[in-house]
């Protein structure tokens, strides 16, 4: 079977593809902490980062939300995209 790619994902255009990842660590005072990131594949820029005590889907999507807000609606007030979409 032919391999589709070599394991490297790089794009030429910014905001074409993001990747997400999570790591965990243990702190002495707070216990386990989960750190989520969203990274731009074109230039390896971090577009969102979030730390939380739990690793659920809502926490995992927070860096993506930050990236969308930062890259696509930086000058709009909070909630303005909802009005524009309706």
PDB file of N, CA and C in Angstrom:
ATOM      1  N   UNK A   1       0.840  -1.176   0.000  1.00  0.00           N
ATOM      2  CA  UNK A   1       0.000   0.000   0.000  1.00  0.00           C
ATOM      3  C   UNK A   1       0.891   1.247   0.000  1.00  0.00           C
ATOM      4  N   UNK A   2       0.576   2.221  -0.847  1.00  0.00           N
ATOM      5  CA  UNK A   2       1.357   3.448  -0.969  1.00  0.00           C
ATOM      6  C   UNK A   2       1.083   4.378   0.215  1.00  0.00           C
ATOM      7  N   UNK A   3       2.138   4.913   0.785  1.00  0.00           N
ATOM      8  CA  UNK A   3       2.025   5.847   1.900  1.00  0.00           C
ATOM      9  C   UNK A   3       1.590   7.210   1.365  1.00  0.00           C
ATOM     10  N   UNK A   4       0.552   7.801   1.954  1.00  0.00           N
ATOM     11  CA  UNK A   4      -0.001   9.054   1.459  1.00  0.00           C
ATOM     12  C   UNK A   4       0.871  10.259   1.759  1.00  0.00           C
ATOM     13  N   UNK A   5       1.559  10.248   2.890  1.00  0.00           N
ATOM     14  CA  UNK A   5       2.471  11.344   3.212  1.00  0.00           C
ATOM     15  C   UNK A   5       3.555  10.844   4.158  1.00  0.00           C
ATOM     16  N   UNK A   6       4.577  11.675   4.344  1.00  0.00           N
ATOM     17  CA  UNK A   6       5.734  11.255   5.138  1.00  0.00           C
ATOM     18  C   UNK A   6       5.618  11.601   6.619  1.00  0.00           C
ATOM     19  N   UNK A   7       4.461  12.054   7.052  1.00  0.00           N
ATOM     20  CA  UNK A   7       4.268  12.411   8.452  1.00  0.00           C
ATOM     21  C   UNK A   7       4.467  13.888   8.739  1.00  0.00           C
ATOM     22  N   UNK A   8       4.858  14.648   7.738  1.00  0.00           N
ATOM     23  CA  UNK A   8       5.054  16.090   7.879  1.00  0.00           C
ATOM     24  C   UNK A   8       3.894  16.809   7.217  1.00  0.00           C
ATOM     25  N   UNK A   9       3.281  17.729   7.947  1.00  0.00           N
ATOM     26  CA  UNK A   9       2.172  18.499   7.384  1.00  0.00           C
ATOM     27  C   UNK A   9       2.575  19.967   7.382  1.00  0.00           C
ATOM     28  N   UNK A  10       2.833  20.497   6.209  1.00  0.00           N
ATOM     29  CA  UNK A  10       3.180  21.908   6.048  1.00  0.00           C
ATOM     30  C   UNK A  10       2.321  22.465   4.925  1.00  0.00           C
ATOM     31  N   UNK A  11       1.752  23.617   5.146  1.00  0.00           N
ATOM     32  CA  UNK A  11       0.956  24.271   4.109  1.00  0.00           C
ATOM     33  C   UNK A  11       1.647  25.556   3.692  1.00  0.00           C
ATOM     34  N   UNK A  12       1.312  26.043   2.519  1.00  0.00           N
ATOM     35  CA  UNK A  12       1.897  27.284   2.007  1.00  0.00           C
ATOM     36  C   UNK A  12       1.101  28.514   2.429  1.00  0.00           C
ATOM     37  N   UNK A  13      -0.167  28.317   2.739  1.00  0.00           N
ATOM     38  CA  UNK A  13      -1.042  29.441   3.060  1.00  0.00           C
ATOM     39  C   UNK A  13      -1.368  29.458   4.551  1.00  0.00           C
ATOM     40  N   UNK A  14      -1.307  30.634   5.135  1.00  0.00           N
ATOM     41  CA  UNK A  14      -1.687  30.804   6.540  1.00  0.00           C
ATOM     42  C   UNK A  14      -3.198  30.622   6.669  1.00  0.00           C
ATOM     43  N   UNK A  15      -3.626  30.049   7.780  1.00  0.00           N
ATOM     44  CA  UNK A  15      -5.027  29.779   8.112  1.00  0.00           C
ATOM     45  C   UNK A  15      -5.670  28.756   7.190  1.00  0.00           C
ATOM     46  N   UNK A  16      -4.862  27.906   6.576  1.00  0.00           N
ATOM     47  CA  UNK A  16      -5.390  26.820   5.768  1.00  0.00           C
ATOM     48  C   UNK A  16      -5.559  25.554   6.615  1.00  0.00           C
ATOM     49  N   UNK A  17      -4.628  25.316   7.561  1.00  0.00           N
ATOM     50  CA  UNK A  17      -4.711  24.124   8.396  1.00  0.00           C
ATOM     51  C   UNK A  17      -4.055  24.375   9.759  1.00  0.00           C
ATOM     52  N   UNK A  18      -4.787  24.044  10.804  1.00  0.00           N
ATOM     53  CA  UNK A  18      -4.256  24.116  12.155  1.00  0.00           C
ATOM     54  C   UNK A  18      -4.180  22.695  12.717  1.00  0.00           C
ATOM     55  N   UNK A  19      -3.293  22.520  13.666  1.00  0.00           N
ATOM     56  CA  UNK A  19      -3.210  21.266  14.397  1.00  0.00           C
ATOM     57  C   UNK A  19      -3.445  21.539  15.869  1.00  0.00           C
ATOM     58  N   UNK A  20      -3.915  20.543  16.592  1.00  0.00           N
ATOM     59  CA  UNK A  20      -4.124  20.687  18.029  1.00  0.00           C
ATOM     60  C   UNK A  20      -3.406  19.558  18.753  1.00  0.00           C
ATOM     61  N   UNK A  21      -3.068  19.829  19.990  1.00  0.00           N
ATOM     62  CA  UNK A  21      -2.414  18.805  20.810  1.00  0.00           C
ATOM     63  C   UNK A  21      -2.670  19.114  22.278  1.00  0.00           C
ATOM     64  N   UNK A  22      -2.434  18.120  23.124  1.00  0.00           N
ATOM     65  CA  UNK A  22      -2.621  18.263  24.556  1.00  0.00           C
ATOM     66  C   UNK A  22      -1.486  17.537  25.257  1.00  0.00           C
ATOM     67  N   UNK A  23      -1.043  18.110  26.342  1.00  0.00           N
ATOM     68  CA  UNK A  23      -0.089  17.442  27.215  1.00  0.00           C
ATOM     69  C   UNK A  23      -0.576  17.605  28.645  1.00  0.00           C
ATOM     70  N   UNK A  24      -0.043  16.801  29.535  1.00  0.00           N
ATOM     71  CA  UNK A  24      -0.430  16.931  30.942  1.00  0.00           C
ATOM     72  C   UNK A  24       0.805  16.948  31.822  1.00  0.00           C
ATOM     73  N   UNK A  25       0.644  17.590  32.947  1.00  0.00           N
ATOM     74  CA  UNK A  25       1.718  17.665  33.922  1.00  0.00           C
ATOM     75  C   UNK A  25       1.096  17.635  35.314  1.00  0.00           C
ATOM     76  N   UNK A  26       1.916  17.452  36.313  1.00  0.00           N
ATOM     77  CA  UNK A  26       1.439  17.451  37.696  1.00  0.00           C
ATOM     78  C   UNK A  26       2.119  18.592  38.432  1.00  0.00           C
ATOM     79  N   UNK A  27       1.322  19.389  39.140  1.00  0.00           N
ATOM     80  CA  UNK A  27       1.864  20.475  39.950  1.00  0.00           C
ATOM     81  C   UNK A  27       1.755  20.081  41.418  1.00  0.00           C
ATOM     82  N   UNK A  28       2.628  20.615  42.238  1.00  0.00           N
ATOM     83  CA  UNK A  28       2.609  20.289  43.662  1.00  0.00           C
ATOM     84  C   UNK A  28       1.377  20.845  44.361  1.00  0.00           C
ATOM     85  N   UNK A  29       0.964  22.049  43.980  1.00  0.00           N
ATOM     86  CA  UNK A  29      -0.148  22.678  44.676  1.00  0.00           C
ATOM     87  C   UNK A  29      -1.523  22.342  44.139  1.00  0.00           C
ATOM     88  N   UNK A  30      -1.642  22.137  42.834  1.00  0.00           N
ATOM     89  CA  UNK A  30      -2.959  21.976  42.212  1.00  0.00           C
ATOM     90  C   UNK A  30      -3.239  20.573  41.688  1.00  0.00           C
ATOM     91  N   UNK A  31      -2.257  19.723  41.640  1.00  0.00           N
ATOM     92  CA  UNK A  31      -2.462  18.383  41.080  1.00  0.00           C
ATOM     93  C   UNK A  31      -2.253  18.376  39.571  1.00  0.00           C
ATOM     94  N   UNK A  32      -2.998  17.540  38.892  1.00  0.00           N
ATOM     95  CA  UNK A  32      -2.831  17.372  37.447  1.00  0.00           C
ATOM     96  C   UNK A  32      -3.359  18.587  36.678  1.00  0.00           C
ATOM     97  N   UNK A  33      -2.609  18.991  35.652  1.00  0.00           N
ATOM     98  CA  UNK A  33      -3.013  20.100  34.781  1.00  0.00           C
ATOM     99  C   UNK A  33      -2.864  19.649  33.334  1.00  0.00           C
ATOM    100  N   UNK A  34      -3.826  20.018  32.504  1.00  0.00           N
ATOM    101  CA  UNK A  34      -3.819  19.696  31.083  1.00  0.00           C
ATOM    102  C   UNK A  34      -3.590  20.984  30.300  1.00  0.00           C
ATOM    103  N   UNK A  35      -2.702  20.930  29.317  1.00  0.00           N
ATOM    104  CA  UNK A  35      -2.391  22.102  28.498  1.00  0.00           C
ATOM    105  C   UNK A  35      -2.730  21.765  27.051  1.00  0.00           C
ATOM    106  N   UNK A  36      -3.591  22.572  26.464  1.00  0.00           N
ATOM    107  CA  UNK A  36      -4.045  22.380  25.085  1.00  0.00           C
ATOM    108  C   UNK A  36      -3.486  23.507  24.222  1.00  0.00           C
ATOM    109  N   UNK A  37      -3.069  23.191  22.994  1.00  0.00           N
ATOM    110  CA  UNK A  37      -2.570  24.208  22.065  1.00  0.00           C
ATOM    111  C   UNK A  37      -3.180  23.992  20.685  1.00  0.00           C
ATOM    112  N   UNK A  38      -3.290  25.087  19.932  1.00  0.00           N
ATOM    113  CA  UNK A  38      -3.648  25.056  18.517  1.00  0.00           C
ATOM    114  C   UNK A  38      -2.510  25.752  17.777  1.00  0.00           C
ATOM    115  N   UNK A  39      -1.977  25.091  16.748  1.00  0.00           N
ATOM    116  CA  UNK A  39      -0.790  25.570  16.047  1.00  0.00           C
ATOM    117  C   UNK A  39      -1.089  25.713  14.554  1.00  0.00           C
ATOM    118  N   UNK A  40      -0.644  26.818  13.974  1.00  0.00           N
ATOM    119  CA  UNK A  40      -0.748  27.057  12.536  1.00  0.00           C
ATOM    120  C   UNK A  40       0.310  26.214  11.827  1.00  0.00           C
ATOM    121  N   UNK A  41      -0.097  25.395  10.852  1.00  0.00           N
ATOM    122  CA  UNK A  41       0.853  24.514  10.170  1.00  0.00           C
ATOM    123  C   UNK A  41       1.785  25.250   9.208  1.00  0.00           C
ATOM    124  N   UNK A  42       1.386  26.403   8.691  1.00  0.00           N
ATOM    125  CA  UNK A  42       2.217  27.112   7.710  1.00  0.00           C
ATOM    126  C   UNK A  42       3.480  27.694   8.330  1.00  0.00           C
ATOM    127  N   UNK A  43       3.373  28.218   9.556  1.00  0.00           N
ATOM    128  CA  UNK A  43       4.529  28.897  10.158  1.00  0.00           C
ATOM    129  C   UNK A  43       4.787  28.497  11.611  1.00  0.00           C
ATOM    130  N   UNK A  44       4.103  27.495  12.094  1.00  0.00           N
ATOM    131  CA  UNK A  44       4.245  26.979  13.467  1.00  0.00           C
ATOM    132  C   UNK A  44       3.870  27.993  14.547  1.00  0.00           C
ATOM    133  N   UNK A  45       3.088  28.978  14.201  1.00  0.00           N
ATOM    134  CA  UNK A  45       2.629  29.969  15.175  1.00  0.00           C
ATOM    135  C   UNK A  45       1.563  29.343  16.076  1.00  0.00           C
ATOM    136  N   UNK A  46       1.644  29.613  17.363  1.00  0.00           N
ATOM    137  CA  UNK A  46       0.611  29.171  18.294  1.00  0.00           C
ATOM    138  C   UNK A  46      -0.539  30.157  18.198  1.00  0.00           C
ATOM    139  N   UNK A  47      -1.712  29.672  17.803  1.00  0.00           N
ATOM    140  CA  UNK A  47      -2.870  30.552  17.651  1.00  0.00           C
ATOM    141  C   UNK A  47      -3.780  30.500  18.875  1.00  0.00           C
ATOM    142  N   UNK A  48      -3.586  29.511  19.750  1.00  0.00           N
ATOM    143  CA  UNK A  48      -4.362  29.431  20.974  1.00  0.00           C
ATOM    144  C   UNK A  48      -3.706  28.484  21.956  1.00  0.00           C
ATOM    145  N   UNK A  49      -3.856  28.793  23.244  1.00  0.00           N
ATOM    146  CA  UNK A  49      -3.306  27.934  24.307  1.00  0.00           C
ATOM    147  C   UNK A  49      -4.241  28.020  25.511  1.00  0.00           C
ATOM    148  N   UNK A  50      -4.413  26.896  26.192  1.00  0.00           N
ATOM    149  CA  UNK A  50      -5.359  26.842  27.308  1.00  0.00           C
ATOM    150  C   UNK A  50      -4.908  25.772  28.297  1.00  0.00           C
ATOM    151  N   UNK A  51      -4.951  26.073  29.582  1.00  0.00           N
ATOM    152  CA  UNK A  51      -4.646  25.112  30.643  1.00  0.00           C
ATOM    153  C   UNK A  51      -5.897  24.911  31.486  1.00  0.00           C
ATOM    154  N   UNK A  52      -6.120  23.663  31.898  1.00  0.00           N
ATOM    155  CA  UNK A  52      -7.332  23.351  32.661  1.00  0.00           C
ATOM    156  C   UNK A  52      -7.087  22.166  33.589  1.00  0.00           C
ATOM    157  N   UNK A  53      -8.001  21.992  34.539  1.00  0.00           N
ATOM    158  CA  UNK A  53      -7.921  20.856  35.463  1.00  0.00           C
ATOM    159  C   UNK A  53      -8.548  19.592  34.894  1.00  0.00           C
ATOM    160  N   UNK A  54      -9.372  19.738  33.857  1.00  0.00           N
ATOM    161  CA  UNK A  54      -9.973  18.557  33.235  1.00  0.00           C
ATOM    162  C   UNK A  54      -9.644  18.548  31.746  1.00  0.00           C
ATOM    163  N   UNK A  55      -9.731  17.375  31.145  1.00  0.00           N
ATOM    164  CA  UNK A  55      -9.398  17.220  29.728  1.00  0.00           C
ATOM    165  C   UNK A  55     -10.637  16.788  28.961  1.00  0.00           C
ATOM    166  N   UNK A  56     -11.654  17.647  28.940  1.00  0.00           N
ATOM    167  CA  UNK A  56     -12.869  17.302  28.207  1.00  0.00           C
ATOM    168  C   UNK A  56     -12.912  18.049  26.871  1.00  0.00           C
ATOM    169  N   UNK A  57     -13.921  17.789  26.074  1.00  0.00           N
ATOM    170  CA  UNK A  57     -13.998  18.374  24.733  1.00  0.00           C
ATOM    171  C   UNK A  57     -14.125  19.892  24.756  1.00  0.00           C
ATOM    172  N   UNK A  58     -14.727  20.440  25.778  1.00  0.00           N
ATOM    173  CA  UNK A  58     -14.880  21.893  25.858  1.00  0.00           C
ATOM    174  C   UNK A  58     -13.521  22.562  26.104  1.00  0.00           C
ATOM    175  N   UNK A  59     -12.748  21.977  26.995  1.00  0.00           N
ATOM    176  CA  UNK A  59     -11.406  22.505  27.267  1.00  0.00           C
ATOM    177  C   UNK A  59     -10.514  22.361  26.030  1.00  0.00           C
ATOM    178  N   UNK A  60     -10.643  21.231  25.322  1.00  0.00           N
ATOM    179  CA  UNK A  60      -9.820  20.969  24.139  1.00  0.00           C
ATOM    180  C   UNK A  60     -10.116  21.953  23.006  1.00  0.00           C
ATOM    181  N   UNK A  61     -11.340  22.421  22.907  1.00  0.00           N
ATOM    182  CA  UNK A  61     -11.705  23.350  21.831  1.00  0.00           C
ATOM    183  C   UNK A  61     -11.384  24.807  22.148  1.00  0.00           C
ATOM    184  N   UNK A  62     -11.048  25.109  23.377  1.00  0.00           N
ATOM    185  CA  UNK A  62     -10.761  26.496  23.757  1.00  0.00           C
ATOM    186  C   UNK A  62      -9.640  27.134  22.929  1.00  0.00           C
ATOM    187  N   UNK A  63      -8.499  26.465  22.694  1.00  0.00           N
ATOM    188  CA  UNK A  63      -7.469  27.100  21.865  1.00  0.00           C
ATOM    189  C   UNK A  63      -7.920  27.330  20.423  1.00  0.00           C
ATOM    190  N   UNK A  64      -8.794  26.478  19.911  1.00  0.00           N
ATOM    191  CA  UNK A  64      -9.329  26.688  18.558  1.00  0.00           C
ATOM    192  C   UNK A  64     -10.215  27.927  18.553  1.00  0.00           C
ATOM    193  N   UNK A  65     -11.051  28.069  19.587  1.00  0.00           N
ATOM    194  CA  UNK A  65     -11.901  29.261  19.702  1.00  0.00           C
ATOM    195  C   UNK A  65     -11.047  30.518  19.752  1.00  0.00           C
ATOM    196  N   UNK A  66      -9.971  30.473  20.546  1.00  0.00           N
ATOM    197  CA  UNK A  66      -9.065  31.617  20.635  1.00  0.00           C
ATOM    198  C   UNK A  66      -8.448  31.936  19.270  1.00  0.00           C
ATOM    199  N   UNK A  67      -8.035  30.900  18.549  1.00  0.00           N
ATOM    200  CA  UNK A  67      -7.434  31.102  17.237  1.00  0.00           C
ATOM    201  C   UNK A  67      -8.393  31.697  16.234  1.00  0.00           C
ATOM    202  N   UNK A  68      -9.624  31.205  16.222  1.00  0.00           N
ATOM    203  CA  UNK A  68     -10.636  31.754  15.311  1.00  0.00           C
ATOM    204  C   UNK A  68     -10.882  33.217  15.632  1.00  0.00           C
ATOM    205  N   UNK A  69     -11.022  33.505  16.890  1.00  0.00           N
ATOM    206  CA  UNK A  69     -11.266  34.891  17.296  1.00  0.00           C
ATOM    207  C   UNK A  69     -10.072  35.787  16.945  1.00  0.00           C
ATOM    208  N   UNK A  70      -8.867  35.292  17.185  1.00  0.00           N
ATOM    209  CA  UNK A  70      -7.658  36.074  16.933  1.00  0.00           C
ATOM    210  C   UNK A  70      -7.393  36.275  15.441  1.00  0.00           C
ATOM    211  N   UNK A  71      -7.583  35.219  14.646  1.00  0.00           N
ATOM    212  CA  UNK A  71      -7.204  35.269  13.231  1.00  0.00           C
ATOM    213  C   UNK A  71      -8.300  35.765  12.302  1.00  0.00           C
ATOM    214  N   UNK A  72      -9.559  35.615  12.685  1.00  0.00           N
ATOM    215  CA  UNK A  72     -10.637  35.954  11.771  1.00  0.00           C
ATOM    216  C   UNK A  72     -11.530  37.089  12.241  1.00  0.00           C
ATOM    217  N   UNK A  73     -11.510  37.436  13.505  1.00  0.00           N
ATOM    218  CA  UNK A  73     -12.388  38.505  13.990  1.00  0.00           C
ATOM    219  C   UNK A  73     -11.703  39.328  15.075  1.00  0.00           C
ATOM    220  N   UNK A  74     -10.471  39.811  14.845  1.00  0.00           N
ATOM    221  CA  UNK A  74      -9.752  40.504  15.923  1.00  0.00           C
ATOM    222  C   UNK A  74     -10.345  41.848  16.319  1.00  0.00           C
ATOM    223  N   UNK A  75     -11.071  42.493  15.438  1.00  0.00           N
ATOM    224  CA  UNK A  75     -11.566  43.829  15.770  1.00  0.00           C
ATOM    225  C   UNK A  75     -13.041  43.845  16.134  1.00  0.00           C
ATOM    226  N   UNK A  76     -13.708  42.701  16.085  1.00  0.00           N
ATOM    227  CA  UNK A  76     -15.131  42.655  16.418  1.00  0.00           C
ATOM    228  C   UNK A  76     -15.328  42.503  17.924  1.00  0.00           C
ATOM    229  N   UNK A  77     -16.347  43.151  18.469  1.00  0.00           N
ATOM    230  CA  UNK A  77     -16.645  42.946  19.891  1.00  0.00           C
ATOM    231  C   UNK A  77     -17.171  41.531  20.130  1.00  0.00           C
ATOM    232  N   UNK A  78     -17.060  41.064  21.359  1.00  0.00           N
ATOM    233  CA  UNK A  78     -17.489  39.705  21.713  1.00  0.00           C
ATOM    234  C   UNK A  78     -18.953  39.488  21.342  1.00  0.00           C
ATOM    235  N   UNK A  79     -19.256  38.396  20.650  1.00  0.00           N
ATOM    236  CA  UNK A  79     -20.607  38.064  20.261  1.00  0.00           C
ATOM    237  C   UNK A  79     -21.052  38.643  18.920  1.00  0.00           C
ATOM    238  N   UNK A  80     -20.239  39.502  18.306  1.00  0.00           N
ATOM    239  CA  UNK A  80     -20.629  40.152  17.059  1.00  0.00           C
ATOM    240  C   UNK A  80     -20.760  39.147  15.923  1.00  0.00           C
ATOM    241  N   UNK A  81     -19.975  38.073  15.934  1.00  0.00           N
ATOM    242  CA  UNK A  81     -20.055  37.084  14.857  1.00  0.00           C
ATOM    243  C   UNK A  81     -21.405  36.377  14.843  1.00  0.00           C
ATOM    244  N   UNK A  82     -22.045  36.273  16.007  1.00  0.00           N
ATOM    245  CA  UNK A  82     -23.364  35.634  16.064  1.00  0.00           C
ATOM    246  C   UNK A  82     -24.375  36.487  15.312  1.00  0.00           C
ATOM    247  N   UNK A  83     -24.314  37.799  15.522  1.00  0.00           N
ATOM    248  CA  UNK A  83     -25.206  38.705  14.816  1.00  0.00           C
ATOM    249  C   UNK A  83     -24.956  38.686  13.322  1.00  0.00           C
ATOM    250  N   UNK A  84     -23.677  38.633  12.923  1.00  0.00           N
ATOM    251  CA  UNK A  84     -23.336  38.635  11.506  1.00  0.00           C
ATOM    252  C   UNK A  84     -23.786  37.353  10.818  1.00  0.00           C
ATOM    253  N   UNK A  85     -23.797  36.228  11.536  1.00  0.00           N
ATOM    254  CA  UNK A  85     -24.151  34.953  10.949  1.00  0.00           C
ATOM    255  C   UNK A  85     -25.659  34.784  10.801  1.00  0.00           C
ATOM    256  N   UNK A  86     -26.441  35.518  11.550  1.00  0.00           N
ATOM    257  CA  UNK A  86     -27.890  35.332  11.484  1.00  0.00           C
ATOM    258  C   UNK A  86     -28.559  36.222  10.479  1.00  0.00           C
TER     259      UNK A  86
END
